[in-house]
Amino acid sequence: MNKKVTAAIAIGAVLITAIGFTAFPWASRSKVKAGQPLTGYVEGVEFSIAAKVPGRVQDVLVKEGDRVEAGQVVARLESRELVEQLNQAKAALAQAQIGRTLTADTVDGQVAQAKATLDGARAKWEALKNGARPQEIEQARAAVDQAQVAYDNAKLNDERTEKLFASGAVSAKLRDDARSAADAALATLKMAKEKLSLIEAGARQEEIDGAKAQVDQAAAALQLAIASRSQVSLKAAATDQAQAMVEAAQAMVDNTVIRAPQKGTVTAKLVQPGEMVAAGLPIVTVVDIDTVWVKANVPEEQVSKLQLGQEMEVSIEGIENRLTGKLTWVSASADFATKKASHDMGDFDRKTFGIKVELSNSDGMLKQGMTAKVYLPAGKNRSDR
């Protein structure tokens, strides 16, 4: 074969290759084969434990590498001033509660007394207006008769005792007692007669008017007592406010004790005793690696082979055997291009999609940040099935 023929063949081969890449742009892409590993890194649930209130650090009770459980105390802030504020709030609440009770009891007593006074004044006024009923007149007359009999008996006993005393048969004390009884019976008789006389005569107009004035006065006193109940509402509001202050102060004191919200291993101790911290400032960083995952990026032409829940093999640097994990997440959108388009060739960017493969780590062998390789399963794309 001469040199001209050889050169022609070479030129033809170049032209055919160029035409092929122009007509079929996907021929320029390098594909990831099934089973070819993807590089990723081990990740766990990482979180910071922060102070909820500002203050000075008193103690940090954990160090890097310590395992903490949910609810475990990891640090304390100085709380002396906050405890003093809490005690003051409790004292104010106790005072408010006493004031509320005393006010309520006083007002209730005033209202009850005012009602009783008004009822009595009205009854007296009505009695004076209407005059005595026949039954009352009969009762008054019977009282006079009864008092008269009692007086007659007492007077007779007094006279007999006087004679016995004169003869020396009784003591002076018995004579004096008999005389006192006679005097008392006479006074009772006079009062009964006066009451009967008043009942039979009826009330005078000025007495009726005076009784009406007492009714009006008692009614006004009752309204004033009822109006004073507003003081009870004010005292109740003050008590509620004092209770809220106690709860807020108690929360501040409680928040000086900083607890782990969940289990994990301390990866960083960020403050030392004596340092001032602001609310929200992290005290320690913790990672939970009981269950970890490997995050990797899958080329777009391999995404259709993946299904959530399917098992995938993972190898970890420093661990001899491969591990089996479960695919728990596939990104819904592309992340970035692993190969930029070649515009001269009519190609386009090759994108990747993030995935997470979850691994059990009960023995704690896997550490956050370890390099891992995820092996894609063999099989046809779902679009090819």
Protein backbone atom coordinates (compact mmCIF):
# COMPACT_ATOMS: atom_id res chain seq x y z
CA MET A 1 0.00 0.00 0.00
CA ASN A 2 1.55 3.30 -1.04
CA LYS A 3 1.70 6.42 1.09
CA LYS A 4 -1.18 8.13 -0.71
CA VAL A 5 -3.58 5.26 0.00
CA THR A 6 -2.51 5.11 3.65
CA ALA A 7 -3.07 8.83 4.08
CA ALA A 8 -6.49 8.62 2.45
CA ILE A 9 -7.55 5.82 4.78
CA ALA A 10 -6.42 7.80 7.84
CA ILE A 11 -8.27 10.90 6.72
CA GLY A 12 -11.40 8.85 6.10
CA ALA A 13 -11.28 7.33 9.55
CA VAL A 14 -11.03 10.76 11.16
CA LEU A 15 -13.99 12.02 9.12
CA ILE A 16 -16.12 9.00 10.02
CA THR A 17 -15.33 9.46 13.73
CA ALA A 18 -16.18 13.15 13.57
CA ILE A 19 -19.44 12.48 11.75
CA GLY A 20 -20.35 9.79 14.28
CA PHE A 21 -19.85 12.07 17.27
CA THR A 22 -21.79 14.85 15.57
CA ALA A 23 -24.76 12.66 14.68
CA PHE A 24 -24.77 10.77 17.99
CA PRO A 25 -23.80 13.23 20.78
CA TRP A 26 -24.45 10.72 23.61
CA ALA A 27 -21.52 8.67 22.36
CA SER A 28 -19.20 11.23 23.97
CA ARG A 29 -20.47 10.58 27.53
CA SER A 30 -18.65 8.23 29.86
CA LYS A 31 -21.23 6.20 31.81
CA VAL A 32 -20.95 4.76 35.31
CA LYS A 33 -21.43 1.05 35.05
CA ALA A 34 -23.60 -0.93 37.42
CA GLY A 35 -21.53 -2.06 40.38
CA GLN A 36 -19.06 0.81 39.97
CA PRO A 37 -18.64 2.50 43.40
CA LEU A 38 -19.57 6.08 44.20
CA THR A 39 -17.52 7.95 46.76
CA GLY A 40 -19.29 9.46 49.75
CA TYR A 41 -18.92 10.17 53.44
CA VAL A 42 -20.44 8.80 56.63
CA GLU A 43 -22.82 11.22 58.34
CA GLY A 44 -24.85 11.12 61.56
CA VAL A 45 -27.41 13.29 63.33
CA GLU A 46 -25.34 16.21 64.58
CA PHE A 47 -26.78 18.86 66.87
CA SER A 48 -25.65 21.52 69.30
CA ILE A 49 -26.83 21.83 72.90
CA ALA A 50 -27.24 25.52 73.66
CA ALA A 51 -28.05 27.70 76.65
CA LYS A 52 -31.64 28.96 76.73
CA VAL A 53 -30.79 31.86 79.04
CA PRO A 54 -27.73 34.09 79.25
CA GLY A 55 -25.34 33.64 82.15
CA ARG A 56 -21.94 32.56 83.39
CA VAL A 57 -20.95 28.91 82.98
CA GLN A 58 -20.61 27.18 86.34
CA ASP A 59 -19.83 23.63 85.22
CA VAL A 60 -19.45 21.66 82.00
CA LEU A 61 -20.04 18.07 83.00
CA VAL A 62 -19.02 16.31 79.77
CA LYS A 63 -15.98 16.17 77.52
CA GLU A 64 -15.24 15.13 73.96
CA GLY A 65 -15.99 11.45 73.44
CA ASP A 66 -18.48 11.16 76.30
CA ARG A 67 -21.77 9.49 75.52
CA VAL A 68 -24.86 11.34 76.74
CA GLU A 69 -28.43 10.17 77.12
CA ALA A 70 -31.61 12.14 76.51
CA GLY A 71 -32.28 14.40 79.50
CA GLN A 72 -28.75 14.10 80.90
CA VAL A 73 -27.31 17.28 82.44
CA VAL A 74 -24.33 18.44 80.38
CA ALA A 75 -23.71 21.88 81.90
CA ARG A 76 -24.92 24.36 84.52
CA LEU A 77 -25.02 28.14 84.60
CA GLU A 78 -24.69 30.20 87.77
CA SER A 79 -28.19 30.64 89.19
CA ARG A 80 -27.83 32.59 92.46
CA GLU A 81 -29.33 35.83 91.15
CA LEU A 82 -32.10 33.99 89.34
CA VAL A 83 -32.96 32.03 92.49
CA GLU A 84 -33.19 35.31 94.41
CA GLN A 85 -35.55 36.67 91.78
CA LEU A 86 -37.63 33.49 92.04
CA ASN A 87 -37.87 33.82 95.83
CA GLN A 88 -38.95 37.45 95.48
CA ALA A 89 -41.60 36.46 92.96
CA LYS A 90 -42.88 33.73 95.29
CA ALA A 91 -43.09 36.20 98.19
CA ALA A 92 -45.02 38.66 96.02
CA LEU A 93 -47.39 35.87 94.99
CA ALA A 94 -48.02 34.87 98.61
CA GLN A 95 -48.78 38.49 99.50
CA ALA A 96 -51.12 38.83 96.54
CA GLN A 97 -52.95 35.63 97.50
CA ILE A 98 -53.43 36.85 101.08
CA GLY A 99 -54.74 40.19 99.82
CA ARG A 100 -57.09 38.45 97.44
CA THR A 101 -58.49 36.18 100.18
CA LEU A 102 -58.90 39.00 102.69
CA THR A 103 -60.56 41.24 100.15
CA ALA A 104 -62.95 38.52 99.02
CA ASP A 105 -63.88 37.58 102.60
CA THR A 106 -64.35 41.23 103.60
CA VAL A 107 -66.49 42.06 100.60
CA ASP A 108 -68.63 38.94 101.01
CA GLY A 109 -69.17 39.80 104.68
CA GLN A 110 -70.08 43.39 103.85
CA VAL A 111 -72.57 42.30 101.20
CA ALA A 112 -74.19 39.74 103.51
CA GLN A 113 -74.46 42.24 106.36
CA ALA A 114 -75.89 44.92 104.07
CA LYS A 115 -78.52 42.50 102.77
CA ALA A 116 -79.55 41.52 106.31
CA THR A 117 -79.81 45.18 107.34
CA LEU A 118 -81.94 45.98 104.31
CA ASP A 119 -84.25 43.04 104.96
CA GLY A 120 -84.74 44.13 108.57
CA ALA A 121 -85.41 47.74 107.62
CA ARG A 122 -87.96 46.72 105.02
CA ALA A 123 -89.76 44.41 107.46
CA LYS A 124 -89.99 47.19 110.05
CA TRP A 125 -91.22 49.69 107.48
CA GLU A 126 -93.87 47.32 106.18
CA ALA A 127 -95.03 46.56 109.73
CA LEU A 128 -95.37 50.23 110.57
CA LYS A 129 -97.25 50.97 107.34
CA ASN A 130 -99.69 48.14 107.70
CA GLY A 131 -100.20 48.35 111.46
CA ALA A 132 -100.55 45.41 113.79
CA ARG A 133 -102.38 42.32 112.66
CA PRO A 134 -105.15 40.90 114.86
CA GLN A 135 -102.90 38.02 115.80
CA GLU A 136 -100.23 40.44 117.02
CA ILE A 137 -102.76 42.33 119.15
CA GLU A 138 -103.96 39.09 120.71
CA GLN A 139 -100.39 38.05 121.38
CA ALA A 140 -99.68 41.40 123.03
CA ARG A 141 -102.76 41.10 125.26
CA ALA A 142 -101.80 37.55 126.19
CA ALA A 143 -98.34 38.80 127.10
CA VAL A 144 -99.91 41.44 129.39
CA ASP A 145 -102.06 38.83 131.09
CA GLN A 146 -99.09 36.52 131.55
CA ALA A 147 -96.98 39.34 132.95
CA GLN A 148 -99.79 40.33 135.31
CA VAL A 149 -100.05 36.81 136.72
CA ALA A 150 -96.29 36.63 137.14
CA TYR A 151 -96.25 39.96 138.95
CA ASP A 152 -99.10 39.01 141.26
CA ASN A 153 -97.32 35.82 142.24
CA ALA A 154 -94.02 37.61 142.74
CA LYS A 155 -95.66 40.32 144.85
CA LEU A 156 -97.43 37.75 147.02
CA ASN A 157 -94.17 35.85 147.50
CA ASP A 158 -92.40 39.08 148.40
CA GLU A 159 -94.96 39.95 151.07
CA ARG A 160 -94.84 36.45 152.58
CA THR A 161 -91.04 36.42 152.61
CA GLU A 162 -91.00 39.82 154.31
CA LYS A 163 -93.15 38.49 157.15
CA LEU A 164 -90.97 35.41 157.50
CA PHE A 165 -87.88 37.58 157.65
CA ALA A 166 -89.46 39.74 160.34
CA SER A 167 -90.04 36.63 162.44
CA GLY A 168 -86.51 35.43 161.77
CA ALA A 169 -87.61 32.40 159.75
CA VAL A 170 -85.65 33.32 156.57
CA SER A 171 -82.44 35.10 155.81
CA ALA A 172 -82.08 38.59 154.50
CA LYS A 173 -80.81 37.17 151.19
CA LEU A 174 -84.04 35.29 150.56
CA ARG A 175 -86.00 38.42 151.39
CA ASP A 176 -83.90 40.47 148.98
CA ASP A 177 -84.24 37.85 146.20
CA ALA A 178 -88.02 37.85 146.59
CA ARG A 179 -88.11 41.64 146.42
CA SER A 180 -85.92 41.68 143.30
CA ALA A 181 -88.15 39.11 141.61
CA ALA A 182 -91.22 41.22 142.37
CA ASP A 183 -89.55 44.34 140.96
CA ALA A 184 -88.52 42.49 137.78
CA ALA A 185 -92.02 41.11 137.30
CA LEU A 186 -93.45 44.62 137.68
CA ALA A 187 -91.05 45.97 135.03
CA THR A 188 -92.02 43.18 132.61
CA LEU A 189 -95.70 43.96 133.19
CA LYS A 190 -95.18 47.64 132.43
CA MET A 191 -93.30 46.84 129.18
CA ALA A 192 -96.04 44.45 128.04
CA LYS A 193 -98.71 47.05 128.71
CA GLU A 194 -96.75 49.72 126.81
CA LYS A 195 -96.27 47.41 123.83
CA LEU A 196 -99.98 46.59 123.79
CA SER A 197 -100.80 50.25 123.94
CA LEU A 198 -98.51 51.04 121.00
CA ILE A 199 -99.87 48.19 118.91
CA GLU A 200 -103.44 49.22 119.52
CA ALA A 201 -102.66 52.86 118.78
CA GLY A 202 -100.66 52.13 115.58
CA ALA A 203 -97.51 53.85 114.29
CA ARG A 204 -97.24 57.58 113.88
CA GLN A 205 -96.44 59.01 110.43
CA GLU A 206 -93.04 60.24 111.49
CA GLU A 207 -92.16 56.70 112.59
CA ILE A 208 -93.21 55.36 109.20
CA ASP A 209 -91.16 58.03 107.42
CA GLY A 210 -88.16 57.25 109.62
CA ALA A 211 -88.45 53.57 108.81
CA LYS A 212 -88.58 54.37 105.07
CA ALA A 213 -85.42 56.45 105.40
CA GLN A 214 -83.68 53.51 107.05
CA VAL A 215 -84.73 51.31 104.10
CA ASP A 216 -83.23 53.77 101.61
CA GLN A 217 -80.03 54.01 103.62
CA ALA A 218 -79.69 50.22 103.84
CA ALA A 219 -80.30 49.85 100.08
CA ALA A 220 -77.54 52.38 99.32
CA ALA A 221 -75.16 50.55 101.66
CA LEU A 222 -75.89 47.27 99.85
CA GLN A 223 -75.14 48.78 96.44
CA LEU A 224 -71.88 50.17 97.76
CA ALA A 225 -70.91 46.76 99.13
CA ILE A 226 -71.72 45.08 95.81
CA ALA A 227 -69.70 47.69 93.92
CA SER A 228 -66.70 46.94 96.11
CA ARG A 229 -66.57 43.48 94.51
CA SER A 230 -64.58 45.09 91.71
CA GLN A 231 -61.72 45.15 94.19
CA VAL A 232 -61.89 41.38 94.25
CA SER A 233 -61.41 41.28 90.47
CA LEU A 234 -58.44 43.62 90.73
CA LYS A 235 -56.89 41.49 93.45
CA ALA A 236 -57.49 38.36 91.37
CA ALA A 237 -55.78 39.95 88.36
CA ALA A 238 -52.83 40.96 90.55
CA THR A 239 -52.60 37.39 91.86
CA ASP A 240 -52.64 35.95 88.33
CA GLN A 241 -49.89 38.34 87.31
CA ALA A 242 -47.81 37.37 90.34
CA GLN A 243 -48.32 33.69 89.47
CA ALA A 244 -47.08 34.34 85.93
CA MET A 245 -44.00 36.07 87.33
CA VAL A 246 -43.26 33.03 89.50
CA GLU A 247 -43.60 30.68 86.54
CA ALA A 248 -41.32 32.85 84.41
CA ALA A 249 -38.71 33.06 87.17
CA GLN A 250 -38.92 29.30 87.74
CA ALA A 251 -38.37 28.69 84.02
CA MET A 252 -35.27 30.90 84.11
CA VAL A 253 -33.86 28.93 87.04
CA ASP A 254 -34.71 25.60 85.38
CA ASN A 255 -32.98 26.71 82.18
CA THR A 256 -29.68 27.20 84.00
CA VAL A 257 -29.51 23.40 83.99
CA ILE A 258 -28.66 22.44 80.41
CA ARG A 259 -29.73 18.96 79.31
CA ALA A 260 -29.18 16.83 76.22
CA PRO A 261 -32.36 16.67 74.11
CA GLN A 262 -31.40 13.23 72.77
CA LYS A 263 -28.68 10.64 73.02
CA GLY A 264 -25.35 10.88 71.24
CA THR A 265 -21.61 11.32 71.61
CA VAL A 266 -19.97 14.65 72.42
CA THR A 267 -17.75 15.78 69.57
CA ALA A 268 -16.87 19.29 70.75
CA LYS A 269 -16.81 21.14 74.07
CA LEU A 270 -17.22 24.78 73.13
CA VAL A 271 -17.10 26.69 76.46
CA GLN A 272 -15.26 26.54 79.77
CA PRO A 273 -16.43 27.28 83.34
CA GLY A 274 -16.39 31.00 84.06
CA GLU A 275 -17.20 32.07 80.51
CA MET A 276 -20.24 34.22 79.79
CA VAL A 277 -22.69 32.78 77.27
CA ALA A 278 -25.64 34.31 75.49
CA ALA A 279 -28.99 32.64 75.02
CA GLY A 280 -28.72 30.28 72.06
CA LEU A 281 -24.94 29.95 72.25
CA PRO A 282 -23.87 26.29 71.82
CA ILE A 283 -22.26 24.67 74.85
CA VAL A 284 -21.33 21.33 73.28
CA THR A 285 -21.80 19.62 69.94
CA VAL A 286 -23.18 16.08 69.88
CA VAL A 287 -23.57 13.51 67.14
CA ASP A 288 -25.84 10.48 67.27
CA ILE A 289 -24.16 7.68 65.30
CA ASP A 290 -26.28 4.72 66.38
CA THR A 291 -27.73 4.95 62.90
CA VAL A 292 -25.67 6.64 60.20
CA TRP A 293 -25.91 7.12 56.49
CA VAL A 294 -23.59 7.57 53.56
CA LYS A 295 -24.37 10.47 51.28
CA ALA A 296 -23.19 10.17 47.69
CA ASN A 297 -24.05 11.54 44.26
CA VAL A 298 -25.41 9.28 41.52
CA PRO A 299 -25.05 10.15 37.81
CA GLU A 300 -28.40 10.92 36.25
CA GLU A 301 -28.35 7.91 33.90
CA GLN A 302 -28.25 5.60 36.94
CA VAL A 303 -31.04 7.23 39.01
CA SER A 304 -33.81 5.30 37.28
CA LYS A 305 -32.33 2.05 38.63
CA LEU A 306 -32.84 3.12 42.23
CA GLN A 307 -35.83 2.43 44.45
CA LEU A 308 -36.31 3.60 48.01
CA GLY A 309 -35.85 0.78 50.47
CA GLN A 310 -33.59 -1.32 48.25
CA GLU A 311 -30.40 -2.74 49.72
CA MET A 312 -27.04 -1.39 48.59
CA GLU A 313 -23.51 -2.47 49.43
CA VAL A 314 -21.14 -0.01 51.10
CA SER A 315 -17.44 -0.28 51.82
CA ILE A 316 -15.72 1.85 54.44
CA GLU A 317 -12.05 2.74 54.54
CA GLY A 318 -10.43 0.72 57.33
CA ILE A 319 -13.24 -1.88 57.56
CA GLU A 320 -12.52 -5.14 55.76
CA ASN A 321 -15.98 -6.42 54.89
CA ARG A 322 -18.60 -4.63 52.90
CA LEU A 323 -21.73 -3.48 54.72
CA THR A 324 -25.31 -3.68 53.57
CA GLY A 325 -27.39 -0.52 53.82
CA LYS A 326 -30.82 0.65 52.75
CA LEU A 327 -31.55 3.47 50.33
CA THR A 328 -33.66 5.99 52.27
CA TRP A 329 -33.49 9.14 50.15
CA VAL A 330 -33.05 10.21 46.55
CA SER A 331 -32.91 13.90 45.77
CA ALA A 332 -35.89 15.22 43.82
CA SER A 333 -33.67 17.60 41.86
CA ALA A 334 -30.23 17.45 40.31
CA ASP A 335 -27.33 18.73 42.37
CA PHE A 336 -24.48 19.56 40.02
CA ALA A 337 -22.83 18.52 36.79
CA THR A 338 -19.98 16.04 36.89
CA LYS A 339 -19.12 16.78 33.28
CA LYS A 340 -19.68 20.05 31.48
CA ALA A 341 -21.19 20.16 28.04
CA SER A 342 -18.98 20.26 25.01
CA HIS A 343 -20.79 22.76 22.82
CA ASP A 344 -18.54 22.07 19.94
CA MET A 345 -19.75 18.47 20.00
CA GLY A 346 -23.42 19.30 20.75
CA ASP A 347 -23.25 17.60 24.15
CA PHE A 348 -24.97 18.71 27.41
CA ASP A 349 -24.12 18.68 31.14
CA ARG A 350 -24.19 15.39 32.99
CA LYS A 351 -26.02 15.98 36.30
CA THR A 352 -25.97 14.02 39.55
CA PHE A 353 -28.60 13.30 42.20
CA GLY A 354 -27.89 13.00 45.89
CA ILE A 355 -28.72 9.76 47.70
CA LYS A 356 -28.54 8.52 51.29
CA VAL A 357 -27.84 4.92 52.23
CA GLU A 358 -28.67 4.18 55.87
CA LEU A 359 -26.41 1.86 57.88
CA SER A 360 -26.81 0.34 61.33
CA ASN A 361 -23.99 1.30 63.67
CA SER A 362 -24.88 -0.38 66.95
CA ASP A 363 -21.24 -1.32 67.56
CA GLY A 364 -20.08 2.27 66.98
CA MET A 365 -17.44 1.30 64.42
CA LEU A 366 -18.58 3.89 61.90
CA LYS A 367 -17.53 7.45 62.58
CA GLN A 368 -18.80 10.64 61.09
CA GLY A 369 -16.68 11.80 58.18
CA MET A 370 -15.31 8.37 57.20
CA THR A 371 -14.79 7.88 53.49
CA ALA A 372 -17.20 5.36 52.00
CA LYS A 373 -17.96 3.80 48.64
CA VAL A 374 -21.51 2.97 47.58
CA TYR A 375 -21.96 0.23 44.97
CA LEU A 376 -24.85 0.72 42.58
CA PRO A 377 -26.97 -2.37 41.99
CA ALA A 378 -26.88 -4.07 38.62
CA GLY A 379 -30.05 -4.08 36.54
CA LYS A 380 -31.92 -2.31 33.80
CA ASN A 381 -33.29 1.17 34.13
CA ARG A 382 -36.94 1.29 35.09
CA SER A 383 -37.58 3.11 31.80
CA ASP A 384 -36.17 0.08 29.97
CA ARG A 385 -38.42 -2.48 31.69
